[in-house]
Amino acid sequence: MPVCDLPQSEIAFPFFFHAIEPARLALVDRFYRNHGYKVKCAANEQVFVLANAAGDFVAAARFVPQSSGHYWLRNLLVDPQQRGQGLASYLMIECKPRLAPRGCYCFALPHLSGFYQRLGFELNPGHCPADILANYQKYRARGRDWLLMGCKQS
């Protein structure tokens, strides 16, 4: 079922940005599963996608709200056949204003630190809330080599 709601003639960029409502989260779950992720989006999450003109998802990101009121970015994914076009950056740029005024944090793979820094994320932010920091420390204790990165919005 396509998610595109604009006529083809109005396309300035060949991808559409969508905030996904809870009733459609199973479609995003399927997108992740088709790319090897075991993800189940929850109704309280903020989930955003990019879709092509046919309505097929090409990128997705889920933001999990934390008890501190901040978001934890989980599972930013671009279809491997669509990589190298700036879709992850475009998706994140579209998402960030919708997450204001809360900050957003992620656990980034080391080779992606520059990507996140270009989007305004700081490495080892001093403003990281305790709930996100506790999750990060738990993952590090399990041997993950991820980097803590955060973007605080005012």
N, C-alpha and C. Protein backbone atom coordinates (compact mmCIF):
# COMPACT_ATOMS: atom_id res chain seq x y z
N MET A 1 0.84 -1.18 0.00
CA MET A 1 0.00 0.00 0.00
C MET A 1 0.88 1.25 0.00
N PRO A 2 0.83 2.07 -1.03
CA PRO A 2 1.69 3.24 -1.10
C PRO A 2 1.37 4.25 0.01
N VAL A 3 2.41 4.96 0.44
CA VAL A 3 2.21 5.99 1.45
C VAL A 3 2.22 7.38 0.83
N CYS A 4 2.48 7.48 -0.46
CA CYS A 4 2.56 8.78 -1.11
C CYS A 4 1.17 9.40 -1.22
N ASP A 5 1.09 10.67 -0.83
CA ASP A 5 -0.20 11.33 -0.89
C ASP A 5 -0.14 12.59 -1.76
N LEU A 6 0.95 12.78 -2.50
CA LEU A 6 1.07 13.91 -3.41
C LEU A 6 1.08 13.41 -4.84
N PRO A 7 0.47 14.15 -5.76
CA PRO A 7 0.54 13.75 -7.16
C PRO A 7 1.97 13.82 -7.68
N GLN A 8 2.29 12.97 -8.63
CA GLN A 8 3.63 12.90 -9.21
C GLN A 8 4.11 14.28 -9.68
N SER A 9 3.21 15.12 -10.18
CA SER A 9 3.60 16.43 -10.71
C SER A 9 4.14 17.37 -9.63
N GLU A 10 3.88 17.10 -8.36
CA GLU A 10 4.33 17.99 -7.29
C GLU A 10 5.66 17.55 -6.69
N ILE A 11 6.29 16.54 -7.23
CA ILE A 11 7.53 16.03 -6.67
C ILE A 11 8.69 16.93 -7.07
N ALA A 12 9.34 17.51 -6.07
CA ALA A 12 10.55 18.28 -6.32
C ALA A 12 11.77 17.39 -6.06
N PHE A 13 11.65 16.50 -5.13
CA PHE A 13 12.68 15.54 -4.76
C PHE A 13 12.01 14.18 -4.94
N PRO A 14 12.70 13.19 -5.48
CA PRO A 14 12.00 11.94 -5.81
C PRO A 14 11.62 11.07 -4.61
N PHE A 15 11.71 11.63 -3.41
CA PHE A 15 11.34 10.88 -2.22
C PHE A 15 10.43 11.72 -1.34
N PHE A 16 9.52 11.06 -0.67
CA PHE A 16 8.55 11.72 0.19
C PHE A 16 8.87 11.42 1.65
N PHE A 17 8.82 12.44 2.49
CA PHE A 17 9.02 12.29 3.93
C PHE A 17 7.66 12.08 4.59
N HIS A 18 7.58 11.10 5.50
CA HIS A 18 6.33 10.81 6.21
C HIS A 18 6.58 10.53 7.68
N ALA A 19 5.74 11.09 8.52
CA ALA A 19 5.65 10.66 9.92
C ALA A 19 4.63 9.53 9.91
N ILE A 20 4.99 8.41 10.50
CA ILE A 20 4.14 7.22 10.44
C ILE A 20 3.22 7.16 11.66
N GLU A 21 1.95 7.01 11.41
CA GLU A 21 0.98 6.87 12.49
C GLU A 21 1.01 5.43 13.02
N PRO A 22 0.62 5.24 14.27
CA PRO A 22 0.71 3.90 14.88
C PRO A 22 0.04 2.79 14.07
N ALA A 23 -1.05 3.06 13.40
CA ALA A 23 -1.76 2.02 12.64
C ALA A 23 -0.93 1.50 11.47
N ARG A 24 0.12 2.22 11.07
CA ARG A 24 0.93 1.82 9.91
C ARG A 24 2.33 1.35 10.30
N LEU A 25 2.58 1.18 11.58
CA LEU A 25 3.92 0.78 12.03
C LEU A 25 4.33 -0.60 11.52
N ALA A 26 3.38 -1.49 11.29
CA ALA A 26 3.71 -2.82 10.78
C ALA A 26 4.41 -2.74 9.42
N LEU A 27 4.09 -1.72 8.63
CA LEU A 27 4.76 -1.54 7.34
C LEU A 27 6.24 -1.20 7.53
N VAL A 28 6.52 -0.40 8.55
CA VAL A 28 7.91 -0.04 8.85
C VAL A 28 8.64 -1.26 9.43
N ASP A 29 7.96 -2.00 10.29
CA ASP A 29 8.55 -3.24 10.82
C ASP A 29 8.98 -4.16 9.67
N ARG A 30 8.12 -4.27 8.66
CA ARG A 30 8.42 -5.12 7.50
C ARG A 30 9.63 -4.59 6.74
N PHE A 31 9.72 -3.27 6.58
CA PHE A 31 10.88 -2.68 5.91
C PHE A 31 12.17 -3.06 6.65
N TYR A 32 12.16 -2.90 7.96
CA TYR A 32 13.35 -3.27 8.75
C TYR A 32 13.64 -4.77 8.60
N ARG A 33 12.63 -5.58 8.73
CA ARG A 33 12.80 -7.04 8.65
C ARG A 33 13.36 -7.46 7.29
N ASN A 34 12.91 -6.82 6.22
CA ASN A 34 13.40 -7.13 4.88
C ASN A 34 14.89 -6.81 4.72
N HIS A 35 15.42 -6.01 5.64
CA HIS A 35 16.83 -5.65 5.59
C HIS A 35 17.62 -6.24 6.76
N GLY A 36 17.06 -7.26 7.39
CA GLY A 36 17.78 -8.01 8.41
C GLY A 36 17.70 -7.48 9.82
N TYR A 37 16.85 -6.51 10.07
CA TYR A 37 16.69 -5.97 11.42
C TYR A 37 15.52 -6.65 12.11
N LYS A 38 15.69 -6.96 13.38
CA LYS A 38 14.59 -7.50 14.18
C LYS A 38 14.04 -6.35 15.01
N VAL A 39 13.14 -5.61 14.41
CA VAL A 39 12.61 -4.40 15.02
C VAL A 39 11.10 -4.49 15.10
N LYS A 40 10.57 -4.01 16.21
CA LYS A 40 9.12 -3.88 16.37
C LYS A 40 8.87 -2.47 16.89
N CYS A 41 8.39 -1.61 16.02
CA CYS A 41 8.11 -0.23 16.41
C CYS A 41 6.93 -0.20 17.37
N ALA A 42 7.02 0.66 18.36
CA ALA A 42 5.95 0.80 19.36
C ALA A 42 5.13 2.06 19.08
N ALA A 43 3.90 2.04 19.53
CA ALA A 43 2.98 3.15 19.27
C ALA A 43 3.45 4.47 19.86
N ASN A 44 4.26 4.44 20.91
CA ASN A 44 4.71 5.69 21.54
C ASN A 44 5.95 6.28 20.86
N GLU A 45 6.51 5.58 19.88
CA GLU A 45 7.71 6.06 19.20
C GLU A 45 7.35 7.06 18.11
N GLN A 46 8.31 7.91 17.79
CA GLN A 46 8.19 8.78 16.63
C GLN A 46 8.93 8.05 15.50
N VAL A 47 8.22 7.66 14.46
CA VAL A 47 8.81 6.90 13.36
C VAL A 47 8.60 7.69 12.07
N PHE A 48 9.70 7.84 11.33
CA PHE A 48 9.68 8.62 10.09
C PHE A 48 10.29 7.79 8.97
N VAL A 49 9.79 8.00 7.76
CA VAL A 49 10.31 7.27 6.60
C VAL A 49 10.46 8.22 5.42
N LEU A 50 11.26 7.76 4.46
CA LEU A 50 11.27 8.32 3.12
C LEU A 50 10.72 7.23 2.22
N ALA A 51 9.86 7.61 1.31
CA ALA A 51 9.28 6.66 0.35
C ALA A 51 9.52 7.18 -1.05
N ASN A 52 9.64 6.24 -1.98
CA ASN A 52 9.78 6.65 -3.38
C ASN A 52 8.41 6.95 -3.98
N ALA A 53 8.37 7.31 -5.24
CA ALA A 53 7.10 7.68 -5.88
C ALA A 53 6.10 6.54 -5.92
N ALA A 54 6.58 5.29 -5.87
CA ALA A 54 5.68 4.13 -5.84
C ALA A 54 5.16 3.85 -4.44
N GLY A 55 5.67 4.59 -3.44
CA GLY A 55 5.23 4.39 -2.07
C GLY A 55 6.07 3.40 -1.30
N ASP A 56 7.14 2.88 -1.89
CA ASP A 56 8.01 1.93 -1.19
C ASP A 56 8.97 2.68 -0.28
N PHE A 57 9.14 2.18 0.92
CA PHE A 57 10.07 2.81 1.85
C PHE A 57 11.50 2.61 1.36
N VAL A 58 12.30 3.67 1.45
CA VAL A 58 13.72 3.59 1.10
C VAL A 58 14.60 3.94 2.29
N ALA A 59 14.01 4.51 3.34
CA ALA A 59 14.76 4.86 4.55
C ALA A 59 13.77 4.98 5.70
N ALA A 60 14.27 4.70 6.90
CA ALA A 60 13.42 4.82 8.10
C ALA A 60 14.29 5.16 9.30
N ALA A 61 13.67 5.80 10.27
CA ALA A 61 14.31 6.10 11.55
C ALA A 61 13.25 6.05 12.63
N ARG A 62 13.62 5.47 13.76
CA ARG A 62 12.69 5.46 14.89
C ARG A 62 13.34 6.14 16.07
N PHE A 63 12.54 6.93 16.75
CA PHE A 63 12.98 7.70 17.90
C PHE A 63 12.16 7.26 19.10
N VAL A 64 12.83 6.68 20.06
CA VAL A 64 12.18 6.11 21.23
C VAL A 64 12.19 7.14 22.35
N PRO A 65 11.01 7.55 22.84
CA PRO A 65 10.99 8.52 23.93
C PRO A 65 11.51 7.89 25.23
N GLN A 66 12.25 8.67 25.99
CA GLN A 66 12.81 8.21 27.25
C GLN A 66 12.11 8.91 28.41
N SER A 67 12.26 8.37 29.59
CA SER A 67 11.59 8.95 30.77
C SER A 67 12.07 10.37 31.04
N SER A 68 13.26 10.71 30.58
CA SER A 68 13.80 12.07 30.76
C SER A 68 13.13 13.07 29.83
N GLY A 69 12.35 12.58 28.85
CA GLY A 69 11.71 13.47 27.89
C GLY A 69 12.50 13.62 26.60
N HIS A 70 13.66 12.99 26.52
CA HIS A 70 14.50 13.05 25.32
C HIS A 70 14.21 11.84 24.44
N TYR A 71 14.75 11.89 23.23
CA TYR A 71 14.60 10.77 22.30
C TYR A 71 15.91 10.02 22.13
N TRP A 72 15.77 8.72 21.95
CA TRP A 72 16.90 7.85 21.64
C TRP A 72 16.69 7.38 20.21
N LEU A 73 17.57 7.81 19.30
CA LEU A 73 17.49 7.40 17.90
C LEU A 73 17.92 5.94 17.80
N ARG A 74 17.04 5.13 17.25
CA ARG A 74 17.35 3.72 17.04
C ARG A 74 17.08 3.39 15.58
N ASN A 75 17.89 2.57 15.02
CA ASN A 75 17.63 1.97 13.71
C ASN A 75 17.42 2.96 12.57
N LEU A 76 18.36 3.85 12.38
CA LEU A 76 18.37 4.65 11.16
C LEU A 76 18.85 3.73 10.05
N LEU A 77 18.03 3.53 9.04
CA LEU A 77 18.34 2.58 7.98
C LEU A 77 17.96 3.14 6.62
N VAL A 78 18.88 3.00 5.67
CA VAL A 78 18.61 3.31 4.26
C VAL A 78 18.77 2.00 3.50
N ASP A 79 17.83 1.72 2.62
CA ASP A 79 17.91 0.55 1.77
C ASP A 79 19.29 0.53 1.10
N PRO A 80 20.03 -0.57 1.20
CA PRO A 80 21.38 -0.62 0.63
C PRO A 80 21.44 -0.23 -0.85
N GLN A 81 20.40 -0.48 -1.61
CA GLN A 81 20.40 -0.11 -3.03
C GLN A 81 20.19 1.38 -3.25
N GLN A 82 19.83 2.10 -2.20
CA GLN A 82 19.56 3.54 -2.31
C GLN A 82 20.64 4.39 -1.62
N ARG A 83 21.65 3.76 -1.07
CA ARG A 83 22.68 4.49 -0.32
C ARG A 83 23.53 5.34 -1.25
N GLY A 84 24.17 6.34 -0.66
CA GLY A 84 25.05 7.20 -1.41
C GLY A 84 24.36 8.39 -2.07
N GLN A 85 23.09 8.61 -1.75
CA GLN A 85 22.33 9.72 -2.33
C GLN A 85 22.03 10.81 -1.30
N GLY A 86 22.50 10.63 -0.07
CA GLY A 86 22.22 11.60 0.98
C GLY A 86 20.87 11.40 1.65
N LEU A 87 20.28 10.23 1.49
CA LEU A 87 18.95 10.00 2.05
C LEU A 87 18.93 10.00 3.57
N ALA A 88 19.95 9.44 4.20
CA ALA A 88 19.99 9.43 5.67
C ALA A 88 20.08 10.85 6.20
N SER A 89 20.91 11.67 5.58
CA SER A 89 21.02 13.07 5.99
C SER A 89 19.70 13.80 5.79
N TYR A 90 19.09 13.60 4.64
CA TYR A 90 17.82 14.25 4.34
C TYR A 90 16.75 13.84 5.37
N LEU A 91 16.68 12.55 5.64
CA LEU A 91 15.70 12.06 6.61
C LEU A 91 15.93 12.69 7.98
N MET A 92 17.19 12.70 8.43
CA MET A 92 17.49 13.26 9.76
C MET A 92 17.21 14.76 9.81
N ILE A 93 17.53 15.48 8.76
CA ILE A 93 17.26 16.92 8.72
C ILE A 93 15.76 17.19 8.82
N GLU A 94 14.96 16.36 8.18
CA GLU A 94 13.51 16.50 8.25
C GLU A 94 12.97 16.10 9.63
N CYS A 95 13.59 15.12 10.27
CA CYS A 95 13.12 14.64 11.57
C CYS A 95 13.40 15.61 12.71
N LYS A 96 14.59 16.17 12.72
CA LYS A 96 15.05 16.95 13.88
C LYS A 96 14.07 18.03 14.34
N PRO A 97 13.51 18.85 13.47
CA PRO A 97 12.58 19.88 13.97
C PRO A 97 11.32 19.28 14.61
N ARG A 98 10.95 18.10 14.21
CA ARG A 98 9.75 17.45 14.75
C ARG A 98 10.00 16.85 16.12
N LEU A 99 11.25 16.82 16.54
CA LEU A 99 11.61 16.28 17.85
C LEU A 99 11.83 17.39 18.87
N ALA A 100 11.79 18.64 18.44
CA ALA A 100 12.01 19.77 19.34
C ALA A 100 10.86 19.86 20.33
N PRO A 101 11.08 20.33 21.52
CA PRO A 101 12.33 20.88 22.03
C PRO A 101 13.22 19.84 22.71
N ARG A 102 12.87 18.59 22.59
CA ARG A 102 13.64 17.54 23.24
C ARG A 102 14.96 17.29 22.51
N GLY A 103 15.95 16.84 23.24
CA GLY A 103 17.20 16.45 22.62
C GLY A 103 17.10 15.04 22.07
N CYS A 104 18.03 14.70 21.22
CA CYS A 104 18.07 13.38 20.60
C CYS A 104 19.47 12.81 20.79
N TYR A 105 19.55 11.53 21.13
CA TYR A 105 20.81 10.86 21.38
C TYR A 105 20.83 9.55 20.61
N CYS A 106 22.04 9.10 20.26
CA CYS A 106 22.17 7.82 19.58
C CYS A 106 23.47 7.16 19.99
N PHE A 107 23.55 5.87 19.71
CA PHE A 107 24.76 5.09 19.91
C PHE A 107 25.25 4.75 18.51
N ALA A 108 26.25 5.49 18.06
CA ALA A 108 26.70 5.40 16.67
C ALA A 108 27.86 4.43 16.51
N LEU A 109 27.87 3.76 15.37
CA LEU A 109 29.04 2.98 15.00
C LEU A 109 30.20 3.96 14.78
N PRO A 110 31.41 3.59 15.17
CA PRO A 110 32.54 4.54 15.08
C PRO A 110 32.71 5.18 13.70
N HIS A 111 32.52 4.43 12.64
CA HIS A 111 32.73 5.01 11.30
C HIS A 111 31.65 6.01 10.90
N LEU A 112 30.59 6.14 11.70
CA LEU A 112 29.51 7.09 11.40
C LEU A 112 29.58 8.37 12.23
N SER A 113 30.62 8.52 13.03
CA SER A 113 30.69 9.70 13.90
C SER A 113 30.70 11.00 13.08
N GLY A 114 31.43 11.04 11.98
CA GLY A 114 31.45 12.24 11.14
C GLY A 114 30.08 12.56 10.56
N PHE A 115 29.36 11.53 10.15
CA PHE A 115 28.00 11.72 9.63
C PHE A 115 27.13 12.42 10.67
N TYR A 116 27.13 11.91 11.89
CA TYR A 116 26.30 12.51 12.93
C TYR A 116 26.80 13.89 13.33
N GLN A 117 28.11 14.10 13.35
CA GLN A 117 28.63 15.42 13.69
C GLN A 117 28.19 16.46 12.65
N ARG A 118 28.16 16.09 11.38
CA ARG A 118 27.69 17.02 10.34
C ARG A 118 26.22 17.38 10.55
N LEU A 119 25.48 16.53 11.24
CA LEU A 119 24.06 16.80 11.52
C LEU A 119 23.86 17.55 12.84
N GLY A 120 24.96 17.90 13.51
CA GLY A 120 24.87 18.67 14.75
C GLY A 120 24.96 17.86 16.03
N PHE A 121 25.28 16.57 15.92
CA PHE A 121 25.44 15.73 17.10
C PHE A 121 26.84 15.93 17.67
N GLU A 122 26.94 15.88 18.99
CA GLU A 122 28.23 15.97 19.68
C GLU A 122 28.65 14.58 20.13
N LEU A 123 29.94 14.35 20.13
CA LEU A 123 30.49 13.10 20.66
C LEU A 123 30.60 13.22 22.17
N ASN A 124 30.13 12.22 22.90
CA ASN A 124 30.14 12.21 24.37
C ASN A 124 29.60 13.50 24.97
N PRO A 125 28.36 13.83 24.66
CA PRO A 125 27.80 15.11 25.11
C PRO A 125 27.68 15.16 26.64
N GLY A 126 28.10 16.27 27.20
CA GLY A 126 27.99 16.46 28.64
C GLY A 126 26.56 16.63 29.11
N HIS A 127 25.65 16.91 28.20
CA HIS A 127 24.25 17.14 28.53
C HIS A 127 23.40 15.88 28.42
N CYS A 128 24.01 14.71 28.34
CA CYS A 128 23.26 13.47 28.16
C CYS A 128 22.45 13.13 29.41
N PRO A 129 21.15 12.87 29.27
CA PRO A 129 20.33 12.52 30.42
C PRO A 129 20.70 11.14 30.99
N ALA A 130 20.43 10.96 32.26
CA ALA A 130 20.83 9.75 32.98
C ALA A 130 20.25 8.47 32.37
N ASP A 131 19.00 8.50 31.90
CA ASP A 131 18.40 7.27 31.37
C ASP A 131 19.10 6.80 30.09
N ILE A 132 19.45 7.72 29.23
CA ILE A 132 20.16 7.36 28.00
C ILE A 132 21.59 6.93 28.32
N LEU A 133 22.22 7.64 29.23
CA LEU A 133 23.59 7.28 29.63
C LEU A 133 23.63 5.88 30.23
N ALA A 134 22.64 5.52 31.03
CA ALA A 134 22.58 4.18 31.63
C ALA A 134 22.46 3.11 30.55
N ASN A 135 21.62 3.34 29.54
CA ASN A 135 21.51 2.40 28.42
C ASN A 135 22.83 2.27 27.68
N TYR A 136 23.48 3.39 27.45
CA TYR A 136 24.76 3.38 26.75
C TYR A 136 25.79 2.56 27.53
N GLN A 137 25.86 2.79 28.82
CA GLN A 137 26.83 2.07 29.65
C GLN A 137 26.54 0.57 29.66
N LYS A 138 25.28 0.21 29.62
CA LYS A 138 24.90 -1.20 29.57
C LYS A 138 25.40 -1.85 28.27
N TYR A 139 25.21 -1.17 27.15
CA TYR A 139 25.69 -1.69 25.87
C TYR A 139 27.22 -1.78 25.85
N ARG A 140 27.88 -0.77 26.39
CA ARG A 140 29.35 -0.79 26.42
C ARG A 140 29.85 -1.96 27.28
N ALA A 141 29.17 -2.25 28.38
CA ALA A 141 29.55 -3.37 29.25
C ALA A 141 29.40 -4.70 28.52
N ARG A 142 28.53 -4.74 27.53
CA ARG A 142 28.34 -5.96 26.72
C ARG A 142 29.34 -6.06 25.57
N GLY A 143 30.28 -5.12 25.50
CA GLY A 143 31.32 -5.17 24.49
C GLY A 143 31.04 -4.40 23.22
N ARG A 144 29.96 -3.64 23.16
CA ARG A 144 29.67 -2.85 21.95
C ARG A 144 30.65 -1.68 21.88
N ASP A 145 31.15 -1.39 20.70
CA ASP A 145 32.10 -0.29 20.55
C ASP A 145 31.42 0.99 20.04
N TRP A 146 30.15 1.13 20.28
CA TRP A 146 29.40 2.28 19.82
C TRP A 146 29.86 3.55 20.52
N LEU A 147 29.57 4.66 19.89
CA LEU A 147 29.89 5.99 20.42
C LEU A 147 28.60 6.66 20.88
N LEU A 148 28.67 7.33 22.01
CA LEU A 148 27.53 8.11 22.50
C LEU A 148 27.56 9.46 21.82
N MET A 149 26.46 9.80 21.15
CA MET A 149 26.37 11.09 20.48
C MET A 149 25.02 11.72 20.80
N GLY A 150 24.99 13.03 20.87
CA GLY A 150 23.74 13.71 21.21
C GLY A 150 23.61 15.05 20.55
N CYS A 151 22.38 15.44 20.37
CA CYS A 151 22.03 16.71 19.76
C CYS A 151 20.97 17.35 20.64
N LYS A 152 21.35 18.37 21.35
CA LYS A 152 20.42 19.05 22.24
C LYS A 152 19.79 20.21 21.50
N GLN A 153 18.48 20.24 21.51
CA GLN A 153 17.77 21.33 20.84
C GLN A 153 17.28 22.30 21.89
N SER A 154 17.32 23.57 21.55
CA SER A 154 16.85 24.59 22.50
C SER A 154 15.45 25.04 22.19
